Amino acid sequence: MTYLCLGIAIVGEVVATTALKASESFTRLGPSALTVAGYALAFYCLSLSLRALPTGIAYAIWSGAGIVLISLISWLVYRQSLDLPAVVGMALILAGVLVINLFSKSVAH
């Protein structure tokens, strides 16, 4: 259940950030409302995951996965380019999240 909440928090944050771009600085109502709702859902679900996960671990997973996902969505939807250092950096972020989840004794398995 902890990781389900964390996964929902990640998806909520990614949806909200994608909608934030589409809101055009909060001048469009639909994307603006989606941004607020997405962030509210993200923080609520993140708070639920903090019942079982250490804050630093939960935040590392949440932010790392969010960075990678929003970068991929920005590349696909908004045609924002990613250069080699950006791709390498995101691969390192993913590697860090995997190391935390597979090897850290701080994470309940």
N, C-alpha and C. Protein backbone atom coordinates (compact mmCIF):
# COMPACT_ATOMS: atom_id res chain seq x y z
N MET A 1 0.82 -1.21 0.00
CA MET A 1 0.00 0.00 0.00
C MET A 1 0.86 1.26 0.00
N THR A 2 2.00 1.21 0.69
CA THR A 2 2.90 2.36 0.76
C THR A 2 3.38 2.76 -0.62
N TYR A 3 3.81 1.77 -1.40
CA TYR A 3 4.32 2.07 -2.73
C TYR A 3 3.21 2.44 -3.71
N LEU A 4 2.01 1.95 -3.48
CA LEU A 4 0.87 2.38 -4.30
C LEU A 4 0.62 3.87 -4.08
N CYS A 5 0.61 4.28 -2.82
CA CYS A 5 0.43 5.71 -2.50
C CYS A 5 1.54 6.55 -3.11
N LEU A 6 2.77 6.05 -3.01
CA LEU A 6 3.90 6.79 -3.58
C LEU A 6 3.77 6.86 -5.10
N GLY A 7 3.35 5.78 -5.73
CA GLY A 7 3.14 5.78 -7.18
C GLY A 7 2.07 6.76 -7.61
N ILE A 8 0.97 6.82 -6.85
CA ILE A 8 -0.09 7.78 -7.15
C ILE A 8 0.43 9.20 -6.96
N ALA A 9 1.25 9.42 -5.93
CA ALA A 9 1.84 10.74 -5.71
C ALA A 9 2.72 11.15 -6.89
N ILE A 10 3.47 10.21 -7.41
CA ILE A 10 4.34 10.50 -8.57
C ILE A 10 3.50 10.85 -9.79
N VAL A 11 2.48 10.05 -10.05
CA VAL A 11 1.62 10.31 -11.21
C VAL A 11 0.90 11.65 -11.05
N GLY A 12 0.40 11.93 -9.85
CA GLY A 12 -0.26 13.22 -9.60
C GLY A 12 0.65 14.40 -9.85
N GLU A 13 1.89 14.27 -9.42
CA GLU A 13 2.86 15.36 -9.61
C GLU A 13 3.20 15.53 -11.08
N VAL A 14 3.35 14.44 -11.80
CA VAL A 14 3.67 14.52 -13.22
C VAL A 14 2.50 15.11 -14.01
N VAL A 15 1.29 14.70 -13.71
CA VAL A 15 0.11 15.27 -14.36
C VAL A 15 0.02 16.77 -14.05
N ALA A 16 0.22 17.13 -12.79
CA ALA A 16 0.14 18.54 -12.39
C ALA A 16 1.20 19.38 -13.09
N THR A 17 2.41 18.88 -13.18
CA THR A 17 3.48 19.64 -13.82
C THR A 17 3.24 19.78 -15.31
N THR A 18 2.73 18.72 -15.93
CA THR A 18 2.38 18.80 -17.35
C THR A 18 1.26 19.82 -17.56
N ALA A 19 0.27 19.80 -16.70
CA ALA A 19 -0.83 20.77 -16.80
C ALA A 19 -0.35 22.19 -16.51
N LEU A 20 0.64 22.33 -15.64
CA LEU A 20 1.19 23.65 -15.34
C LEU A 20 1.73 24.31 -16.59
N LYS A 21 2.43 23.56 -17.41
CA LYS A 21 2.93 24.09 -18.67
C LYS A 21 1.76 24.52 -19.55
N ALA A 22 0.72 23.69 -19.62
CA ALA A 22 -0.45 23.97 -20.46
C ALA A 22 -1.31 25.11 -19.90
N SER A 23 -1.16 25.42 -18.61
CA SER A 23 -2.00 26.48 -18.01
C SER A 23 -1.60 27.87 -18.47
N GLU A 24 -0.43 27.98 -19.11
CA GLU A 24 0.08 29.27 -19.59
C GLU A 24 0.04 30.31 -18.47
N SER A 25 0.79 30.01 -17.42
CA SER A 25 0.91 30.88 -16.24
C SER A 25 -0.44 31.13 -15.56
N PHE A 26 -1.22 30.06 -15.43
CA PHE A 26 -2.53 30.08 -14.78
C PHE A 26 -3.54 31.00 -15.48
N THR A 27 -3.42 31.15 -16.80
CA THR A 27 -4.38 31.95 -17.55
C THR A 27 -5.46 31.09 -18.20
N ARG A 28 -5.30 29.77 -18.17
CA ARG A 28 -6.29 28.84 -18.73
C ARG A 28 -6.88 28.03 -17.58
N LEU A 29 -8.19 28.08 -17.43
CA LEU A 29 -8.87 27.51 -16.26
C LEU A 29 -8.69 25.99 -16.14
N GLY A 30 -8.95 25.24 -17.21
CA GLY A 30 -8.89 23.78 -17.13
C GLY A 30 -7.53 23.27 -16.69
N PRO A 31 -6.47 23.62 -17.40
CA PRO A 31 -5.15 23.16 -16.97
C PRO A 31 -4.74 23.69 -15.60
N SER A 32 -5.19 24.90 -15.26
CA SER A 32 -4.88 25.46 -13.94
C SER A 32 -5.53 24.64 -12.84
N ALA A 33 -6.80 24.27 -13.03
CA ALA A 33 -7.50 23.44 -12.03
C ALA A 33 -6.85 22.07 -11.93
N LEU A 34 -6.45 21.50 -13.06
CA LEU A 34 -5.78 20.20 -13.05
C LEU A 34 -4.44 20.28 -12.32
N THR A 35 -3.75 21.39 -12.48
CA THR A 35 -2.48 21.60 -11.77
C THR A 35 -2.69 21.57 -10.26
N VAL A 36 -3.64 22.34 -9.78
CA VAL A 36 -3.91 22.41 -8.34
C VAL A 36 -4.37 21.06 -7.81
N ALA A 37 -5.28 20.41 -8.53
CA ALA A 37 -5.79 19.10 -8.09
C ALA A 37 -4.68 18.05 -8.10
N GLY A 38 -3.85 18.08 -9.12
CA GLY A 38 -2.76 17.10 -9.22
C GLY A 38 -1.76 17.26 -8.10
N TYR A 39 -1.39 18.50 -7.80
CA TYR A 39 -0.44 18.71 -6.70
C TYR A 39 -1.07 18.36 -5.35
N ALA A 40 -2.35 18.66 -5.17
CA ALA A 40 -3.02 18.29 -3.91
C ALA A 40 -3.02 16.78 -3.74
N LEU A 41 -3.37 16.05 -4.79
CA LEU A 41 -3.35 14.59 -4.75
C LEU A 41 -1.93 14.09 -4.48
N ALA A 42 -0.96 14.68 -5.15
CA ALA A 42 0.44 14.24 -5.00
C ALA A 42 0.91 14.40 -3.56
N PHE A 43 0.67 15.56 -2.97
CA PHE A 43 1.14 15.78 -1.61
C PHE A 43 0.38 14.94 -0.59
N TYR A 44 -0.92 14.74 -0.82
CA TYR A 44 -1.69 13.90 0.09
C TYR A 44 -1.16 12.47 0.05
N CYS A 45 -0.99 11.93 -1.14
CA CYS A 45 -0.50 10.55 -1.25
C CYS A 45 0.94 10.42 -0.77
N LEU A 46 1.75 11.44 -1.02
CA LEU A 46 3.12 11.42 -0.49
C LEU A 46 3.08 11.39 1.03
N SER A 47 2.18 12.15 1.63
CA SER A 47 2.08 12.15 3.10
C SER A 47 1.69 10.78 3.63
N LEU A 48 0.83 10.07 2.89
CA LEU A 48 0.45 8.72 3.31
C LEU A 48 1.64 7.76 3.23
N SER A 49 2.45 7.91 2.21
CA SER A 49 3.61 7.02 2.08
C SER A 49 4.65 7.29 3.16
N LEU A 50 4.64 8.50 3.72
CA LEU A 50 5.60 8.84 4.77
C LEU A 50 5.29 8.15 6.10
N ARG A 51 4.13 7.52 6.19
CA ARG A 51 3.82 6.74 7.39
C ARG A 51 4.76 5.55 7.52
N ALA A 52 5.21 5.02 6.38
CA ALA A 52 6.03 3.81 6.42
C ALA A 52 7.45 4.03 5.88
N LEU A 53 7.63 5.02 5.02
CA LEU A 53 8.95 5.26 4.43
C LEU A 53 9.63 6.44 5.10
N PRO A 54 10.95 6.38 5.26
CA PRO A 54 11.67 7.56 5.73
C PRO A 54 11.49 8.71 4.72
N THR A 55 11.42 9.92 5.22
CA THR A 55 11.17 11.08 4.38
C THR A 55 12.17 11.20 3.24
N GLY A 56 13.44 11.07 3.53
CA GLY A 56 14.46 11.21 2.49
C GLY A 56 14.34 10.18 1.40
N ILE A 57 14.03 8.95 1.78
CA ILE A 57 13.87 7.87 0.80
C ILE A 57 12.64 8.13 -0.07
N ALA A 58 11.51 8.45 0.56
CA ALA A 58 10.28 8.72 -0.19
C ALA A 58 10.48 9.89 -1.15
N TYR A 59 11.12 10.94 -0.66
CA TYR A 59 11.32 12.12 -1.50
C TYR A 59 12.28 11.82 -2.65
N ALA A 60 13.31 11.03 -2.41
CA ALA A 60 14.25 10.67 -3.47
C ALA A 60 13.55 9.91 -4.58
N ILE A 61 12.71 8.97 -4.20
CA ILE A 61 11.97 8.19 -5.19
C ILE A 61 10.96 9.07 -5.93
N TRP A 62 10.21 9.87 -5.17
CA TRP A 62 9.19 10.74 -5.74
C TRP A 62 9.78 11.75 -6.70
N SER A 63 10.80 12.44 -6.27
CA SER A 63 11.37 13.48 -7.12
C SER A 63 12.16 12.87 -8.29
N GLY A 64 12.89 11.79 -8.04
CA GLY A 64 13.66 11.16 -9.12
C GLY A 64 12.77 10.63 -10.22
N ALA A 65 11.75 9.90 -9.85
CA ALA A 65 10.82 9.36 -10.85
C ALA A 65 10.08 10.50 -11.55
N GLY A 66 9.72 11.52 -10.80
CA GLY A 66 9.03 12.68 -11.39
C GLY A 66 9.89 13.41 -12.41
N ILE A 67 11.17 13.60 -12.09
CA ILE A 67 12.08 14.27 -13.02
C ILE A 67 12.17 13.51 -14.33
N VAL A 68 12.36 12.21 -14.24
CA VAL A 68 12.50 11.39 -15.44
C VAL A 68 11.20 11.39 -16.24
N LEU A 69 10.07 11.16 -15.58
CA LEU A 69 8.79 11.10 -16.29
C LEU A 69 8.41 12.43 -16.93
N ILE A 70 8.58 13.53 -16.21
CA ILE A 70 8.20 14.82 -16.78
C ILE A 70 9.14 15.19 -17.92
N SER A 71 10.39 14.79 -17.84
CA SER A 71 11.31 15.05 -18.95
C SER A 71 10.91 14.27 -20.19
N LEU A 72 10.50 13.02 -20.00
CA LEU A 72 10.04 12.21 -21.14
C LEU A 72 8.76 12.78 -21.74
N ILE A 73 7.83 13.19 -20.89
CA ILE A 73 6.58 13.78 -21.38
C ILE A 73 6.86 15.08 -22.11
N SER A 74 7.74 15.90 -21.57
CA SER A 74 8.10 17.16 -22.22
C SER A 74 8.72 16.91 -23.59
N TRP A 75 9.51 15.86 -23.68
CA TRP A 75 10.13 15.50 -24.96
C TRP A 75 9.06 15.03 -25.95
N LEU A 76 8.14 14.20 -25.49
CA LEU A 76 7.11 13.65 -26.38
C LEU A 76 6.03 14.68 -26.74
N VAL A 77 5.52 15.40 -25.74
CA VAL A 77 4.37 16.29 -25.95
C VAL A 77 4.79 17.66 -26.46
N TYR A 78 5.80 18.25 -25.83
CA TYR A 78 6.20 19.61 -26.15
C TYR A 78 7.42 19.70 -27.05
N ARG A 79 7.93 18.56 -27.45
CA ARG A 79 9.10 18.48 -28.34
C ARG A 79 10.32 19.21 -27.78
N GLN A 80 10.45 19.20 -26.45
CA GLN A 80 11.62 19.79 -25.81
C GLN A 80 12.75 18.78 -25.90
N SER A 81 13.90 19.23 -26.38
CA SER A 81 14.99 18.29 -26.62
C SER A 81 15.77 17.99 -25.34
N LEU A 82 16.34 16.80 -25.33
CA LEU A 82 17.20 16.36 -24.24
C LEU A 82 18.57 16.05 -24.84
N ASP A 83 19.60 16.71 -24.35
CA ASP A 83 20.93 16.41 -24.86
C ASP A 83 21.54 15.24 -24.09
N LEU A 84 22.69 14.80 -24.51
CA LEU A 84 23.32 13.64 -23.91
C LEU A 84 23.56 13.79 -22.40
N PRO A 85 24.09 14.93 -21.94
CA PRO A 85 24.26 15.07 -20.48
C PRO A 85 22.94 14.96 -19.71
N ALA A 86 21.84 15.46 -20.28
CA ALA A 86 20.54 15.34 -19.61
C ALA A 86 20.11 13.88 -19.52
N VAL A 87 20.30 13.15 -20.60
CA VAL A 87 19.92 11.74 -20.61
C VAL A 87 20.80 10.95 -19.64
N VAL A 88 22.09 11.22 -19.63
CA VAL A 88 23.00 10.53 -18.70
C VAL A 88 22.61 10.86 -17.26
N GLY A 89 22.31 12.12 -16.99
CA GLY A 89 21.90 12.52 -15.64
C GLY A 89 20.64 11.81 -15.20
N MET A 90 19.66 11.70 -16.09
CA MET A 90 18.43 10.99 -15.74
C MET A 90 18.68 9.50 -15.54
N ALA A 91 19.59 8.94 -16.31
CA ALA A 91 19.94 7.52 -16.10
C ALA A 91 20.57 7.33 -14.73
N LEU A 92 21.39 8.29 -14.30
CA LEU A 92 21.99 8.22 -12.96
C LEU A 92 20.93 8.36 -11.88
N ILE A 93 19.94 9.22 -12.11
CA ILE A 93 18.83 9.36 -11.15
C ILE A 93 18.09 8.04 -11.02
N LEU A 94 17.76 7.43 -12.16
CA LEU A 94 17.08 6.13 -12.13
C LEU A 94 17.92 5.08 -11.43
N ALA A 95 19.24 5.09 -11.69
CA ALA A 95 20.13 4.14 -11.03
C ALA A 95 20.11 4.36 -9.52
N GLY A 96 20.10 5.61 -9.09
CA GLY A 96 20.04 5.91 -7.67
C GLY A 96 18.76 5.42 -7.02
N VAL A 97 17.64 5.61 -7.70
CA VAL A 97 16.36 5.13 -7.17
C VAL A 97 16.38 3.60 -7.08
N LEU A 98 16.93 2.95 -8.08
CA LEU A 98 17.03 1.48 -8.04
C LEU A 98 17.93 1.01 -6.89
N VAL A 99 19.07 1.66 -6.69
CA VAL A 99 19.98 1.29 -5.60
C VAL A 99 19.27 1.44 -4.26
N ILE A 100 18.56 2.54 -4.09
CA ILE A 100 17.82 2.75 -2.84
C ILE A 100 16.82 1.62 -2.61
N ASN A 101 16.05 1.32 -3.65
CA ASN A 101 14.99 0.31 -3.49
C ASN A 101 15.51 -1.10 -3.37
N LEU A 102 16.60 -1.42 -4.02
CA LEU A 102 17.10 -2.79 -4.01
C LEU A 102 18.05 -3.09 -2.85
N PHE A 103 18.81 -2.08 -2.40
CA PHE A 103 19.88 -2.37 -1.46
C PHE A 103 19.80 -1.63 -0.13
N SER A 104 19.02 -0.57 -0.03
CA SER A 104 18.98 0.20 1.21
C SER A 104 18.21 -0.54 2.29
N LYS A 105 18.77 -0.56 3.49
CA LYS A 105 18.08 -1.14 4.63
C LYS A 105 17.09 -0.14 5.24
N SER A 106 17.09 1.09 4.72
CA SER A 106 16.16 2.11 5.18
C SER A 106 14.77 1.91 4.63
N VAL A 107 14.65 1.11 3.56
CA VAL A 107 13.38 0.90 2.89
C VAL A 107 12.81 -0.43 3.34
N ALA A 108 11.55 -0.42 3.76
CA ALA A 108 10.87 -1.66 4.12
C ALA A 108 10.54 -2.43 2.85
N HIS A 109 11.00 -3.66 2.76
CA HIS A 109 10.76 -4.45 1.53
C HIS A 109 9.61 -5.39 1.71
